[in-house]
PDB file of N, CA and C in Angstrom:
ATOM      1  N   UNK A   1      21.720  -2.725 -11.322  1.00  0.00           N
ATOM      2  CA  UNK A   1      20.892  -3.806 -10.859  1.00  0.00           C
ATOM      3  C   UNK A   1      21.078  -5.002 -11.799  1.00  0.00           C
ATOM      4  N   UNK A   2      21.389  -6.134 -11.223  1.00  0.00           N
ATOM      5  CA  UNK A   2      21.632  -7.347 -11.990  1.00  0.00           C
ATOM      6  C   UNK A   2      20.333  -8.087 -12.265  1.00  0.00           C
ATOM      7  N   UNK A   3      20.484  -9.257 -12.875  1.00  0.00           N
ATOM      8  CA  UNK A   3      19.311 -10.084 -13.130  1.00  0.00           C
ATOM      9  C   UNK A   3      18.739 -10.602 -11.815  1.00  0.00           C
ATOM     10  N   UNK A   4      17.430 -10.769 -11.805  1.00  0.00           N
ATOM     11  CA  UNK A   4      16.754 -11.274 -10.613  1.00  0.00           C
ATOM     12  C   UNK A   4      16.795 -12.791 -10.584  1.00  0.00           C
ATOM     13  N   UNK A   5      16.938 -13.334  -9.388  1.00  0.00           N
ATOM     14  CA  UNK A   5      16.872 -14.794  -9.238  1.00  0.00           C
ATOM     15  C   UNK A   5      15.413 -15.227  -9.403  1.00  0.00           C
ATOM     16  N   UNK A   6      15.184 -16.481  -9.754  1.00  0.00           N
ATOM     17  CA  UNK A   6      13.789 -16.949  -9.901  1.00  0.00           C
ATOM     18  C   UNK A   6      12.954 -16.799  -8.630  1.00  0.00           C
ATOM     19  N   UNK A   7      13.581 -16.970  -7.474  1.00  0.00           N
ATOM     20  CA  UNK A   7      12.863 -16.814  -6.206  1.00  0.00           C
ATOM     21  C   UNK A   7      12.406 -15.369  -6.027  1.00  0.00           C
ATOM     22  N   UNK A   8      13.312 -14.423  -6.254  1.00  0.00           N
ATOM     23  CA  UNK A   8      12.958 -13.013  -6.102  1.00  0.00           C
ATOM     24  C   UNK A   8      11.978 -12.564  -7.182  1.00  0.00           C
ATOM     25  N   UNK A   9      12.131 -13.086  -8.378  1.00  0.00           N
ATOM     26  CA  UNK A   9      11.207 -12.757  -9.453  1.00  0.00           C
ATOM     27  C   UNK A   9       9.794 -13.243  -9.139  1.00  0.00           C
ATOM     28  N   UNK A  10       9.690 -14.418  -8.532  1.00  0.00           N
ATOM     29  CA  UNK A  10       8.365 -14.922  -8.159  1.00  0.00           C
ATOM     30  C   UNK A  10       7.751 -14.076  -7.042  1.00  0.00           C
ATOM     31  N   UNK A  11       8.567 -13.559  -6.132  1.00  0.00           N
ATOM     32  CA  UNK A  11       8.046 -12.679  -5.082  1.00  0.00           C
ATOM     33  C   UNK A  11       7.508 -11.385  -5.680  1.00  0.00           C
ATOM     34  N   UNK A  12       8.230 -10.829  -6.634  1.00  0.00           N
ATOM     35  CA  UNK A  12       7.787  -9.588  -7.265  1.00  0.00           C
ATOM     36  C   UNK A  12       6.529  -9.830  -8.090  1.00  0.00           C
ATOM     37  N   UNK A  13       6.455 -10.971  -8.753  1.00  0.00           N
ATOM     38  CA  UNK A  13       5.249 -11.316  -9.511  1.00  0.00           C
ATOM     39  C   UNK A  13       4.062 -11.486  -8.574  1.00  0.00           C
ATOM     40  N   UNK A  14       4.262 -12.116  -7.427  1.00  0.00           N
ATOM     41  CA  UNK A  14       3.203 -12.266  -6.432  1.00  0.00           C
ATOM     42  C   UNK A  14       2.754 -10.904  -5.904  1.00  0.00           C
ATOM     43  N   UNK A  15       3.711 -10.007  -5.679  1.00  0.00           N
ATOM     44  CA  UNK A  15       3.372  -8.652  -5.245  1.00  0.00           C
ATOM     45  C   UNK A  15       2.502  -7.967  -6.295  1.00  0.00           C
ATOM     46  N   UNK A  16       2.859  -8.135  -7.555  1.00  0.00           N
ATOM     47  CA  UNK A  16       2.085  -7.510  -8.630  1.00  0.00           C
ATOM     48  C   UNK A  16       0.666  -8.060  -8.681  1.00  0.00           C
ATOM     49  N   UNK A  17       0.532  -9.352  -8.510  1.00  0.00           N
ATOM     50  CA  UNK A  17      -0.800  -9.961  -8.540  1.00  0.00           C
ATOM     51  C   UNK A  17      -1.627  -9.507  -7.342  1.00  0.00           C
ATOM     52  N   UNK A  18      -1.007  -9.396  -6.179  1.00  0.00           N
ATOM     53  CA  UNK A  18      -1.739  -8.984  -4.982  1.00  0.00           C
ATOM     54  C   UNK A  18      -2.088  -7.496  -4.975  1.00  0.00           C
ATOM     55  N   UNK A  19      -1.510  -6.720  -5.874  1.00  0.00           N
ATOM     56  CA  UNK A  19      -1.851  -5.305  -5.969  1.00  0.00           C
ATOM     57  C   UNK A  19      -3.088  -5.061  -6.817  1.00  0.00           C
ATOM     58  N   UNK A  20      -3.558  -6.078  -7.522  1.00  0.00           N
ATOM     59  CA  UNK A  20      -4.733  -5.914  -8.379  1.00  0.00           C
ATOM     60  C   UNK A  20      -5.967  -5.457  -7.598  1.00  0.00           C
ATOM     61  N   UNK A  21      -6.266  -6.023  -6.414  1.00  0.00           N
ATOM     62  CA  UNK A  21      -7.445  -5.517  -5.677  1.00  0.00           C
ATOM     63  C   UNK A  21      -7.327  -4.040  -5.301  1.00  0.00           C
ATOM     64  N   UNK A  22      -6.132  -3.579  -5.010  1.00  0.00           N
ATOM     65  CA  UNK A  22      -5.964  -2.171  -4.659  1.00  0.00           C
ATOM     66  C   UNK A  22      -6.275  -1.280  -5.858  1.00  0.00           C
ATOM     67  N   UNK A  23      -5.969  -1.758  -7.043  1.00  0.00           N
ATOM     68  CA  UNK A  23      -6.208  -0.958  -8.249  1.00  0.00           C
ATOM     69  C   UNK A  23      -7.651  -1.062  -8.731  1.00  0.00           C
ATOM     70  N   UNK A  24      -8.175  -2.268  -8.783  1.00  0.00           N
ATOM     71  CA  UNK A  24      -9.504  -2.466  -9.366  1.00  0.00           C
ATOM     72  C   UNK A  24     -10.632  -2.065  -8.430  1.00  0.00           C
ATOM     73  N   UNK A  25     -10.622  -2.588  -7.231  1.00  0.00           N
ATOM     74  CA  UNK A  25     -11.757  -2.377  -6.345  1.00  0.00           C
ATOM     75  C   UNK A  25     -11.735  -1.003  -5.688  1.00  0.00           C
ATOM     76  N   UNK A  26     -10.594  -0.538  -5.329  1.00  0.00           N
ATOM     77  CA  UNK A  26     -10.528   0.743  -4.638  1.00  0.00           C
ATOM     78  C   UNK A  26     -10.167   1.902  -5.557  1.00  0.00           C
ATOM     79  N   UNK A  27      -9.363   1.642  -6.565  1.00  0.00           N
ATOM     80  CA  UNK A  27      -8.949   2.695  -7.470  1.00  0.00           C
ATOM     81  C   UNK A  27      -7.869   3.595  -6.899  1.00  0.00           C
ATOM     82  N   UNK A  28      -7.532   3.400  -5.627  1.00  0.00           N
ATOM     83  CA  UNK A  28      -6.539   4.268  -5.009  1.00  0.00           C
ATOM     84  C   UNK A  28      -5.119   3.776  -5.230  1.00  0.00           C
ATOM     85  N   UNK A  29      -4.978   2.552  -5.722  1.00  0.00           N
ATOM     86  CA  UNK A  29      -3.649   1.987  -5.893  1.00  0.00           C
ATOM     87  C   UNK A  29      -3.044   2.199  -7.259  1.00  0.00           C
ATOM     88  N   UNK A  30      -3.759   2.868  -8.146  1.00  0.00           N
ATOM     89  CA  UNK A  30      -3.257   3.041  -9.507  1.00  0.00           C
ATOM     90  C   UNK A  30      -2.040   3.953  -9.526  1.00  0.00           C
ATOM     91  N   UNK A  31      -2.125   5.113  -8.904  1.00  0.00           N
ATOM     92  CA  UNK A  31      -1.019   6.073  -8.921  1.00  0.00           C
ATOM     93  C   UNK A  31       0.251   5.536  -8.260  1.00  0.00           C
ATOM     94  N   UNK A  32       0.192   4.990  -7.038  1.00  0.00           N
ATOM     95  CA  UNK A  32       1.451   4.510  -6.453  1.00  0.00           C
ATOM     96  C   UNK A  32       2.036   3.317  -7.193  1.00  0.00           C
ATOM     97  N   UNK A  33       1.191   2.471  -7.769  1.00  0.00           N
ATOM     98  CA  UNK A  33       1.727   1.345  -8.527  1.00  0.00           C
ATOM     99  C   UNK A  33       2.382   1.799  -9.824  1.00  0.00           C
ATOM    100  N   UNK A  34       1.846   2.833 -10.432  1.00  0.00           N
ATOM    101  CA  UNK A  34       2.509   3.401 -11.614  1.00  0.00           C
ATOM    102  C   UNK A  34       3.859   4.005 -11.242  1.00  0.00           C
ATOM    103  N   UNK A  35       3.913   4.664 -10.091  1.00  0.00           N
ATOM    104  CA  UNK A  35       5.186   5.237  -9.638  1.00  0.00           C
ATOM    105  C   UNK A  35       6.193   4.131  -9.346  1.00  0.00           C
ATOM    106  N   UNK A  36       5.748   3.029  -8.739  1.00  0.00           N
ATOM    107  CA  UNK A  36       6.647   1.897  -8.494  1.00  0.00           C
ATOM    108  C   UNK A  36       7.146   1.296  -9.808  1.00  0.00           C
ATOM    109  N   UNK A  37       6.261   1.182 -10.772  1.00  0.00           N
ATOM    110  CA  UNK A  37       6.641   0.620 -12.065  1.00  0.00           C
ATOM    111  C   UNK A  37       7.652   1.497 -12.777  1.00  0.00           C
ATOM    112  N   UNK A  38       7.411   2.793 -12.799  1.00  0.00           N
ATOM    113  CA  UNK A  38       8.351   3.722 -13.433  1.00  0.00           C
ATOM    114  C   UNK A  38       9.678   3.727 -12.675  1.00  0.00           C
ATOM    115  N   UNK A  39       9.622   3.726 -11.345  1.00  0.00           N
ATOM    116  CA  UNK A  39      10.853   3.693 -10.552  1.00  0.00           C
ATOM    117  C   UNK A  39      11.653   2.423 -10.787  1.00  0.00           C
ATOM    118  N   UNK A  40      10.959   1.298 -10.941  1.00  0.00           N
ATOM    119  CA  UNK A  40      11.634   0.029 -11.210  1.00  0.00           C
ATOM    120  C   UNK A  40      12.365   0.076 -12.546  1.00  0.00           C
ATOM    121  N   UNK A  41      11.674   0.509 -13.588  1.00  0.00           N
ATOM    122  CA  UNK A  41      12.305   0.531 -14.910  1.00  0.00           C
ATOM    123  C   UNK A  41      13.402   1.586 -15.019  1.00  0.00           C
ATOM    124  N   UNK A  42      13.218   2.718 -14.359  1.00  0.00           N
ATOM    125  CA  UNK A  42      14.276   3.749 -14.372  1.00  0.00           C
ATOM    126  C   UNK A  42      15.500   3.280 -13.602  1.00  0.00           C
ATOM    127  N   UNK A  43      15.285   2.561 -12.501  1.00  0.00           N
ATOM    128  CA  UNK A  43      16.410   2.028 -11.728  1.00  0.00           C
ATOM    129  C   UNK A  43      17.153   0.966 -12.531  1.00  0.00           C
ATOM    130  N   UNK A  44      16.414   0.156 -13.283  1.00  0.00           N
ATOM    131  CA  UNK A  44      17.058  -0.844 -14.142  1.00  0.00           C
ATOM    132  C   UNK A  44      17.856  -0.164 -15.254  1.00  0.00           C
ATOM    133  N   UNK A  45      17.300   0.896 -15.807  1.00  0.00           N
ATOM    134  CA  UNK A  45      17.943   1.593 -16.917  1.00  0.00           C
ATOM    135  C   UNK A  45      19.201   2.333 -16.460  1.00  0.00           C
ATOM    136  N   UNK A  46      19.122   3.036 -15.355  1.00  0.00           N
ATOM    137  CA  UNK A  46      20.240   3.851 -14.875  1.00  0.00           C
ATOM    138  C   UNK A  46      21.162   3.106 -13.920  1.00  0.00           C
ATOM    139  N   UNK A  47      20.774   1.899 -13.519  1.00  0.00           N
ATOM    140  CA  UNK A  47      21.555   1.070 -12.598  1.00  0.00           C
ATOM    141  C   UNK A  47      21.787   1.768 -11.253  1.00  0.00           C
ATOM    142  N   UNK A  48      20.769   2.511 -10.798  1.00  0.00           N
ATOM    143  CA  UNK A  48      20.837   3.203  -9.511  1.00  0.00           C
ATOM    144  C   UNK A  48      19.640   2.785  -8.665  1.00  0.00           C
ATOM    145  N   UNK A  49      19.911   2.481  -7.415  1.00  0.00           N
ATOM    146  CA  UNK A  49      18.832   2.072  -6.519  1.00  0.00           C
ATOM    147  C   UNK A  49      18.148   3.263  -5.857  1.00  0.00           C
ATOM    148  N   UNK A  50      18.740   4.434  -5.941  1.00  0.00           N
ATOM    149  CA  UNK A  50      18.128   5.610  -5.318  1.00  0.00           C
ATOM    150  C   UNK A  50      16.762   5.916  -5.926  1.00  0.00           C
ATOM    151  N   UNK A  51      16.630   5.712  -7.217  1.00  0.00           N
ATOM    152  CA  UNK A  51      15.355   5.970  -7.882  1.00  0.00           C
ATOM    153  C   UNK A  51      14.298   5.004  -7.366  1.00  0.00           C
ATOM    154  N   UNK A  52      14.670   3.761  -7.238  1.00  0.00           N
ATOM    155  CA  UNK A  52      13.740   2.751  -6.742  1.00  0.00           C
ATOM    156  C   UNK A  52      13.355   3.034  -5.292  1.00  0.00           C
ATOM    157  N   UNK A  53      14.317   3.399  -4.472  1.00  0.00           N
ATOM    158  CA  UNK A  53      14.024   3.714  -3.076  1.00  0.00           C
ATOM    159  C   UNK A  53      13.124   4.934  -2.948  1.00  0.00           C
ATOM    160  N   UNK A  54      13.291   5.902  -3.832  1.00  0.00           N
ATOM    161  CA  UNK A  54      12.419   7.082  -3.821  1.00  0.00           C
ATOM    162  C   UNK A  54      10.982   6.717  -4.193  1.00  0.00           C
ATOM    163  N   UNK A  55      10.825   5.834  -5.169  1.00  0.00           N
ATOM    164  CA  UNK A  55       9.468   5.433  -5.546  1.00  0.00           C
ATOM    165  C   UNK A  55       8.818   4.603  -4.431  1.00  0.00           C
ATOM    166  N   UNK A  56       9.595   3.794  -3.733  1.00  0.00           N
ATOM    167  CA  UNK A  56       9.060   3.029  -2.597  1.00  0.00           C
ATOM    168  C   UNK A  56       8.664   3.973  -1.464  1.00  0.00           C
ATOM    169  N   UNK A  57       9.476   4.995  -1.237  1.00  0.00           N
ATOM    170  CA  UNK A  57       9.150   5.979  -0.202  1.00  0.00           C
ATOM    171  C   UNK A  57       7.863   6.728  -0.553  1.00  0.00           C
ATOM    172  N   UNK A  58       7.683   7.082  -1.842  1.00  0.00           N
ATOM    173  CA  UNK A  58       6.448   7.734  -2.276  1.00  0.00           C
ATOM    174  C   UNK A  58       5.251   6.816  -2.020  1.00  0.00           C
ATOM    175  N   UNK A  59       5.396   5.541  -2.333  1.00  0.00           N
ATOM    176  CA  UNK A  59       4.323   4.577  -2.123  1.00  0.00           C
ATOM    177  C   UNK A  59       3.929   4.527  -0.644  1.00  0.00           C
ATOM    178  N   UNK A  60       4.929   4.486   0.227  1.00  0.00           N
ATOM    179  CA  UNK A  60       4.640   4.434   1.664  1.00  0.00           C
ATOM    180  C   UNK A  60       3.917   5.692   2.137  1.00  0.00           C
ATOM    181  N   UNK A  61       4.385   6.864   1.735  1.00  0.00           N
ATOM    182  CA  UNK A  61       3.730   8.105   2.143  1.00  0.00           C
ATOM    183  C   UNK A  61       2.310   8.177   1.592  1.00  0.00           C
ATOM    184  N   UNK A  62       2.130   7.720   0.372  1.00  0.00           N
ATOM    185  CA  UNK A  62       0.801   7.708  -0.224  1.00  0.00           C
ATOM    186  C   UNK A  62      -0.140   6.818   0.589  1.00  0.00           C
ATOM    187  N   UNK A  63       0.336   5.649   0.980  1.00  0.00           N
ATOM    188  CA  UNK A  63      -0.496   4.741   1.781  1.00  0.00           C
ATOM    189  C   UNK A  63      -0.791   5.358   3.142  1.00  0.00           C
ATOM    190  N   UNK A  64       0.179   6.013   3.782  1.00  0.00           N
ATOM    191  CA  UNK A  64      -0.063   6.664   5.069  1.00  0.00           C
ATOM    192  C   UNK A  64      -1.162   7.719   4.952  1.00  0.00           C
ATOM    193  N   UNK A  65      -1.075   8.549   3.923  1.00  0.00           N
ATOM    194  CA  UNK A  65      -2.046   9.632   3.756  1.00  0.00           C
ATOM    195  C   UNK A  65      -3.431   9.075   3.447  1.00  0.00           C
ATOM    196  N   UNK A  66      -3.513   8.118   2.525  1.00  0.00           N
ATOM    197  CA  UNK A  66      -4.818   7.552   2.162  1.00  0.00           C
ATOM    198  C   UNK A  66      -5.431   6.806   3.343  1.00  0.00           C
ATOM    199  N   UNK A  67      -4.626   6.089   4.100  1.00  0.00           N
ATOM    200  CA  UNK A  67      -5.131   5.370   5.277  1.00  0.00           C
ATOM    201  C   UNK A  67      -5.668   6.359   6.310  1.00  0.00           C
ATOM    202  N   UNK A  68      -4.922   7.413   6.576  1.00  0.00           N
ATOM    203  CA  UNK A  68      -5.366   8.406   7.556  1.00  0.00           C
ATOM    204  C   UNK A  68      -6.667   9.075   7.116  1.00  0.00           C
ATOM    205  N   UNK A  69      -6.744   9.457   5.847  1.00  0.00           N
ATOM    206  CA  UNK A  69      -7.962  10.101   5.349  1.00  0.00           C
ATOM    207  C   UNK A  69      -9.149   9.142   5.358  1.00  0.00           C
ATOM    208  N   UNK A  70      -8.914   7.888   5.014  1.00  0.00           N
ATOM    209  CA  UNK A  70     -10.000   6.910   5.007  1.00  0.00           C
ATOM    210  C   UNK A  70     -10.532   6.672   6.418  1.00  0.00           C
ATOM    211  N   UNK A  71      -9.642   6.558   7.383  1.00  0.00           N
ATOM    212  CA  UNK A  71     -10.078   6.375   8.771  1.00  0.00           C
ATOM    213  C   UNK A  71     -10.807   7.619   9.266  1.00  0.00           C
ATOM    214  N   UNK A  72     -10.298   8.799   8.939  1.00  0.00           N
ATOM    215  CA  UNK A  72     -10.947  10.037   9.350  1.00  0.00           C
ATOM    216  C   UNK A  72     -12.352  10.157   8.762  1.00  0.00           C
ATOM    217  N   UNK A  73     -12.490   9.840   7.488  1.00  0.00           N
ATOM    218  CA  UNK A  73     -13.808   9.898   6.851  1.00  0.00           C
ATOM    219  C   UNK A  73     -14.740   8.846   7.446  1.00  0.00           C
ATOM    220  N   UNK A  74     -14.221   7.659   7.699  1.00  0.00           N
ATOM    221  CA  UNK A  74     -15.047   6.590   8.279  1.00  0.00           C
ATOM    222  C   UNK A  74     -15.543   6.960   9.672  1.00  0.00           C
ATOM    223  N   UNK A  75     -14.645   7.483  10.497  1.00  0.00           N
ATOM    224  CA  UNK A  75     -15.027   7.853  11.867  1.00  0.00           C
ATOM    225  C   UNK A  75     -16.019   9.011  11.852  1.00  0.00           C
ATOM    226  N   UNK A  76     -15.759  10.029  11.038  1.00  0.00           N
ATOM    227  CA  UNK A  76     -16.671  11.173  11.010  1.00  0.00           C
ATOM    228  C   UNK A  76     -18.030  10.786  10.429  1.00  0.00           C
ATOM    229  N   UNK A  77     -18.059   9.919   9.406  1.00  0.00           N
ATOM    230  CA  UNK A  77     -19.336   9.466   8.866  1.00  0.00           C
ATOM    231  C   UNK A  77     -20.111   8.664   9.906  1.00  0.00           C
ATOM    232  N   UNK A  78     -19.389   7.819  10.628  1.00  0.00           N
ATOM    233  CA  UNK A  78     -20.054   6.999  11.647  1.00  0.00           C
ATOM    234  C   UNK A  78     -20.627   7.866  12.756  1.00  0.00           C
ATOM    235  N   UNK A  79     -19.862   8.840  13.217  1.00  0.00           N
ATOM    236  CA  UNK A  79     -20.316   9.655  14.346  1.00  0.00           C
ATOM    237  C   UNK A  79     -21.347  10.704  13.947  1.00  0.00           C
ATOM    238  N   UNK A  80     -21.246  11.222  12.721  1.00  0.00           N
ATOM    239  CA  UNK A  80     -22.131  12.322  12.333  1.00  0.00           C
ATOM    240  C   UNK A  80     -23.350  11.879  11.536  1.00  0.00           C
ATOM    241  N   UNK A  81     -23.255  10.791  10.797  1.00  0.00           N
ATOM    242  CA  UNK A  81     -24.362  10.402   9.932  1.00  0.00           C
ATOM    243  C   UNK A  81     -25.048   9.132  10.422  1.00  0.00           C
ATOM    244  N   UNK A  82     -24.289   8.095  10.629  1.00  0.00           N
ATOM    245  CA  UNK A  82     -24.888   6.798  10.947  1.00  0.00           C
ATOM    246  C   UNK A  82     -25.499   6.782  12.344  1.00  0.00           C
ATOM    247  N   UNK A  83     -24.754   7.234  13.332  1.00  0.00           N
ATOM    248  CA  UNK A  83     -25.252   7.267  14.717  1.00  0.00           C
ATOM    249  C   UNK A  83     -25.364   8.722  15.163  1.00  0.00           C
ATOM    250  N   UNK A  84     -26.455   9.358  14.814  1.00  0.00           N
ATOM    251  CA  UNK A  84     -26.618  10.754  15.215  1.00  0.00           C
ATOM    252  C   UNK A  84     -26.967  10.867  16.702  1.00  0.00           C
ATOM    253  N   UNK A  85     -27.521   9.827  17.248  1.00  0.00           N
ATOM    254  CA  UNK A  85     -27.882   9.813  18.663  1.00  0.00           C
ATOM    255  C   UNK A  85     -27.053   8.751  19.362  1.00  0.00           C
ATOM    256  N   UNK A  86     -26.933   8.863  20.656  1.00  0.00           N
ATOM    257  CA  UNK A  86     -26.095   7.944  21.413  1.00  0.00           C
ATOM    258  C   UNK A  86     -26.613   6.520  21.293  1.00  0.00           C
ATOM    259  N   UNK A  87     -25.667   5.613  21.062  1.00  0.00           N
ATOM    260  CA  UNK A  87     -25.984   4.199  20.979  1.00  0.00           C
ATOM    261  C   UNK A  87     -24.812   3.435  21.586  1.00  0.00           C
ATOM    262  N   UNK A  88     -25.071   2.312  22.218  1.00  0.00           N
ATOM    263  CA  UNK A  88     -23.950   1.562  22.803  1.00  0.00           C
ATOM    264  C   UNK A  88     -23.037   0.935  21.752  1.00  0.00           C
ATOM    265  N   UNK A  89     -23.456   0.934  20.499  1.00  0.00           N
ATOM    266  CA  UNK A  89     -22.662   0.314  19.441  1.00  0.00           C
ATOM    267  C   UNK A  89     -21.716   1.287  18.738  1.00  0.00           C
ATOM    268  N   UNK A  90     -21.760   2.557  19.108  1.00  0.00           N
ATOM    269  CA  UNK A  90     -20.981   3.575  18.396  1.00  0.00           C
ATOM    270  C   UNK A  90     -19.488   3.280  18.462  1.00  0.00           C
ATOM    271  N   UNK A  91     -18.958   3.119  19.655  1.00  0.00           N
ATOM    272  CA  UNK A  91     -17.511   2.956  19.779  1.00  0.00           C
ATOM    273  C   UNK A  91     -17.029   1.630  19.199  1.00  0.00           C
ATOM    274  N   UNK A  92     -17.815   0.585  19.343  1.00  0.00           N
ATOM    275  CA  UNK A  92     -17.453  -0.688  18.738  1.00  0.00           C
ATOM    276  C   UNK A  92     -17.424  -0.598  17.228  1.00  0.00           C
ATOM    277  N   UNK A  93     -18.385   0.102  16.678  1.00  0.00           N
ATOM    278  CA  UNK A  93     -18.437   0.262  15.226  1.00  0.00           C
ATOM    279  C   UNK A  93     -17.268   1.112  14.720  1.00  0.00           C
ATOM    280  N   UNK A  94     -16.974   2.188  15.442  1.00  0.00           N
ATOM    281  CA  UNK A  94     -15.869   3.066  15.051  1.00  0.00           C
ATOM    282  C   UNK A  94     -14.532   2.332  15.158  1.00  0.00           C
ATOM    283  N   UNK A  95     -14.318   1.658  16.271  1.00  0.00           N
ATOM    284  CA  UNK A  95     -13.052   0.947  16.467  1.00  0.00           C
ATOM    285  C   UNK A  95     -12.928  -0.207  15.482  1.00  0.00           C
ATOM    286  N   UNK A  96     -14.001  -0.949  15.262  1.00  0.00           N
ATOM    287  CA  UNK A  96     -13.959  -2.075  14.340  1.00  0.00           C
ATOM    288  C   UNK A  96     -13.675  -1.657  12.911  1.00  0.00           C
ATOM    289  N   UNK A  97     -14.367  -0.627  12.440  1.00  0.00           N
ATOM    290  CA  UNK A  97     -14.147  -0.184  11.064  1.00  0.00           C
ATOM    291  C   UNK A  97     -12.764   0.432  10.899  1.00  0.00           C
ATOM    292  N   UNK A  98     -12.306   1.186  11.879  1.00  0.00           N
ATOM    293  CA  UNK A  98     -10.971   1.785  11.791  1.00  0.00           C
ATOM    294  C   UNK A  98      -9.885   0.720  11.820  1.00  0.00           C
ATOM    295  N   UNK A  99     -10.085  -0.302  12.633  1.00  0.00           N
ATOM    296  CA  UNK A  99      -9.116  -1.389  12.707  1.00  0.00           C
ATOM    297  C   UNK A  99      -9.041  -2.156  11.389  1.00  0.00           C
ATOM    298  N   UNK A 100     -10.180  -2.411  10.761  1.00  0.00           N
ATOM    299  CA  UNK A 100     -10.193  -3.115   9.478  1.00  0.00           C
ATOM    300  C   UNK A 100      -9.497  -2.295   8.391  1.00  0.00           C
ATOM    301  N   UNK A 101      -9.743  -0.998   8.366  1.00  0.00           N
ATOM    302  CA  UNK A 101      -9.080  -0.136   7.379  1.00  0.00           C
ATOM    303  C   UNK A 101      -7.578  -0.127   7.627  1.00  0.00           C
ATOM    304  N   UNK A 102      -7.178  -0.001   8.885  1.00  0.00           N
ATOM    305  CA  UNK A 102      -5.756   0.014   9.214  1.00  0.00           C
ATOM    306  C   UNK A 102      -5.080  -1.294   8.812  1.00  0.00           C
ATOM    307  N   UNK A 103      -5.717  -2.425   9.100  1.00  0.00           N
ATOM    308  CA  UNK A 103      -5.134  -3.726   8.747  1.00  0.00           C
ATOM    309  C   UNK A 103      -5.020  -3.896   7.237  1.00  0.00           C
ATOM    310  N   UNK A 104      -5.972  -3.382   6.499  1.00  0.00           N
ATOM    311  CA  UNK A 104      -5.921  -3.455   5.038  1.00  0.00           C
ATOM    312  C   UNK A 104      -4.703  -2.711   4.499  1.00  0.00           C
ATOM    313  N   UNK A 105      -4.480  -1.505   4.986  1.00  0.00           N
ATOM    314  CA  UNK A 105      -3.350  -0.718   4.505  1.00  0.00           C
ATOM    315  C   UNK A 105      -2.020  -1.218   5.077  1.00  0.00           C
ATOM    316  N   UNK A 106      -2.026  -1.750   6.286  1.00  0.00           N
ATOM    317  CA  UNK A 106      -0.805  -2.336   6.843  1.00  0.00           C
ATOM    318  C   UNK A 106      -0.385  -3.561   6.039  1.00  0.00           C
ATOM    319  N   UNK A 107      -1.359  -4.321   5.570  1.00  0.00           N
ATOM    320  CA  UNK A 107      -1.053  -5.459   4.708  1.00  0.00           C
ATOM    321  C   UNK A 107      -0.393  -4.990   3.418  1.00  0.00           C
ATOM    322  N   UNK A 108      -0.875  -3.892   2.889  1.00  0.00           N
ATOM    323  CA  UNK A 108      -0.270  -3.338   1.678  1.00  0.00           C
ATOM    324  C   UNK A 108       1.190  -2.965   1.905  1.00  0.00           C
ATOM    325  N   UNK A 109       1.482  -2.367   3.048  1.00  0.00           N
ATOM    326  CA  UNK A 109       2.867  -1.986   3.343  1.00  0.00           C
ATOM    327  C   UNK A 109       3.744  -3.207   3.598  1.00  0.00           C
ATOM    328  N   UNK A 110       3.197  -4.242   4.224  1.00  0.00           N
ATOM    329  CA  UNK A 110       3.975  -5.467   4.433  1.00  0.00           C
ATOM    330  C   UNK A 110       4.270  -6.167   3.116  1.00  0.00           C
ATOM    331  N   UNK A 111       3.296  -6.174   2.216  1.00  0.00           N
ATOM    332  CA  UNK A 111       3.529  -6.749   0.891  1.00  0.00           C
ATOM    333  C   UNK A 111       4.625  -5.985   0.160  1.00  0.00           C
ATOM    334  N   UNK A 112       4.601  -4.671   0.279  1.00  0.00           N
ATOM    335  CA  UNK A 112       5.631  -3.850  -0.367  1.00  0.00           C
ATOM    336  C   UNK A 112       7.012  -4.183   0.179  1.00  0.00           C
ATOM    337  N   UNK A 113       7.102  -4.319   1.482  1.00  0.00           N
ATOM    338  CA  UNK A 113       8.405  -4.556   2.109  1.00  0.00           C
ATOM    339  C   UNK A 113       8.952  -5.944   1.786  1.00  0.00           C
ATOM    340  N   UNK A 114       8.124  -6.969   1.978  1.00  0.00           N
ATOM    341  CA  UNK A 114       8.635  -8.338   1.880  1.00  0.00           C
ATOM    342  C   UNK A 114       8.590  -8.935   0.484  1.00  0.00           C
ATOM    343  N   UNK A 115       7.709  -8.447  -0.371  1.00  0.00           N
ATOM    344  CA  UNK A 115       7.593  -9.039  -1.698  1.00  0.00           C
ATOM    345  C   UNK A 115       8.130  -8.142  -2.814  1.00  0.00           C
ATOM    346  N   UNK A 116       8.480  -6.902  -2.500  1.00  0.00           N
ATOM    347  CA  UNK A 116       8.989  -6.014  -3.545  1.00  0.00           C
ATOM    348  C   UNK A 116      10.356  -5.429  -3.177  1.00  0.00           C
ATOM    349  N   UNK A 117      10.417  -4.741  -2.041  1.00  0.00           N
ATOM    350  CA  UNK A 117      11.643  -4.023  -1.699  1.00  0.00           C
ATOM    351  C   UNK A 117      12.804  -4.956  -1.379  1.00  0.00           C
ATOM    352  N   UNK A 118      12.598  -5.891  -0.495  1.00  0.00           N
ATOM    353  CA  UNK A 118      13.691  -6.785  -0.090  1.00  0.00           C
ATOM    354  C   UNK A 118      14.229  -7.640  -1.236  1.00  0.00           C
ATOM    355  N   UNK A 119      13.362  -8.245  -2.067  1.00  0.00           N
ATOM    356  CA  UNK A 119      13.929  -9.015  -3.178  1.00  0.00           C
ATOM    357  C   UNK A 119      14.738  -8.159  -4.163  1.00  0.00           C
ATOM    358  N   UNK A 120      14.309  -6.916  -4.367  1.00  0.00           N
ATOM    359  CA  UNK A 120      15.070  -6.062  -5.286  1.00  0.00           C
ATOM    360  C   UNK A 120      16.388  -5.590  -4.690  1.00  0.00           C
ATOM    361  N   UNK A 121      16.406  -5.368  -3.382  1.00  0.00           N
ATOM    362  CA  UNK A 121      17.640  -4.904  -2.753  1.00  0.00           C
ATOM    363  C   UNK A 121      18.613  -6.050  -2.460  1.00  0.00           C
ATOM    364  N   UNK A 122      18.121  -7.282  -2.427  1.00  0.00           N
ATOM    365  CA  UNK A 122      19.005  -8.431  -2.181  1.00  0.00           C
ATOM    366  C   UNK A 122      19.945  -8.688  -3.360  1.00  0.00           C
ATOM    367  N   UNK A 123      19.527  -8.377  -4.543  1.00  0.00           N
ATOM    368  CA  UNK A 123      20.295  -8.751  -5.735  1.00  0.00           C
ATOM    369  C   UNK A 123      21.195  -7.615  -6.197  1.00  0.00           C
ATOM    370  N   UNK A 124      22.033  -7.121  -5.332  1.00  0.00           N
ATOM    371  CA  UNK A 124      22.966  -6.030  -5.684  1.00  0.00           C
ATOM    372  C   UNK A 124      23.988  -6.484  -6.679  1.00  0.00           C
TER     373      UNK A 124
END
């Protein structure tokens, strides 16, 4: 892996800054970001992109699993605890909360793709 261009370096820096809410507020982003960091430095050290691609793949699978579990917990909490009896707002609440959770995690994956993976793979 060669030196990064200033444009790609700024994209990676922006990705790092945008990952702070995932780490601080949710606490779920600490492990995958550490794996990305270790994969980045190991790929730089060994000059192999396979290590970096493996860490990106781990990040994606981690986000898929956490997103699925979060939606499952949200839906089950809504149906079993919040609305124990039938209400016309149940499905709107379930769909709305699930959609917001999905969009949050989809944004994380888009940031990974466009601000981290592509700039690193462009500079072969």
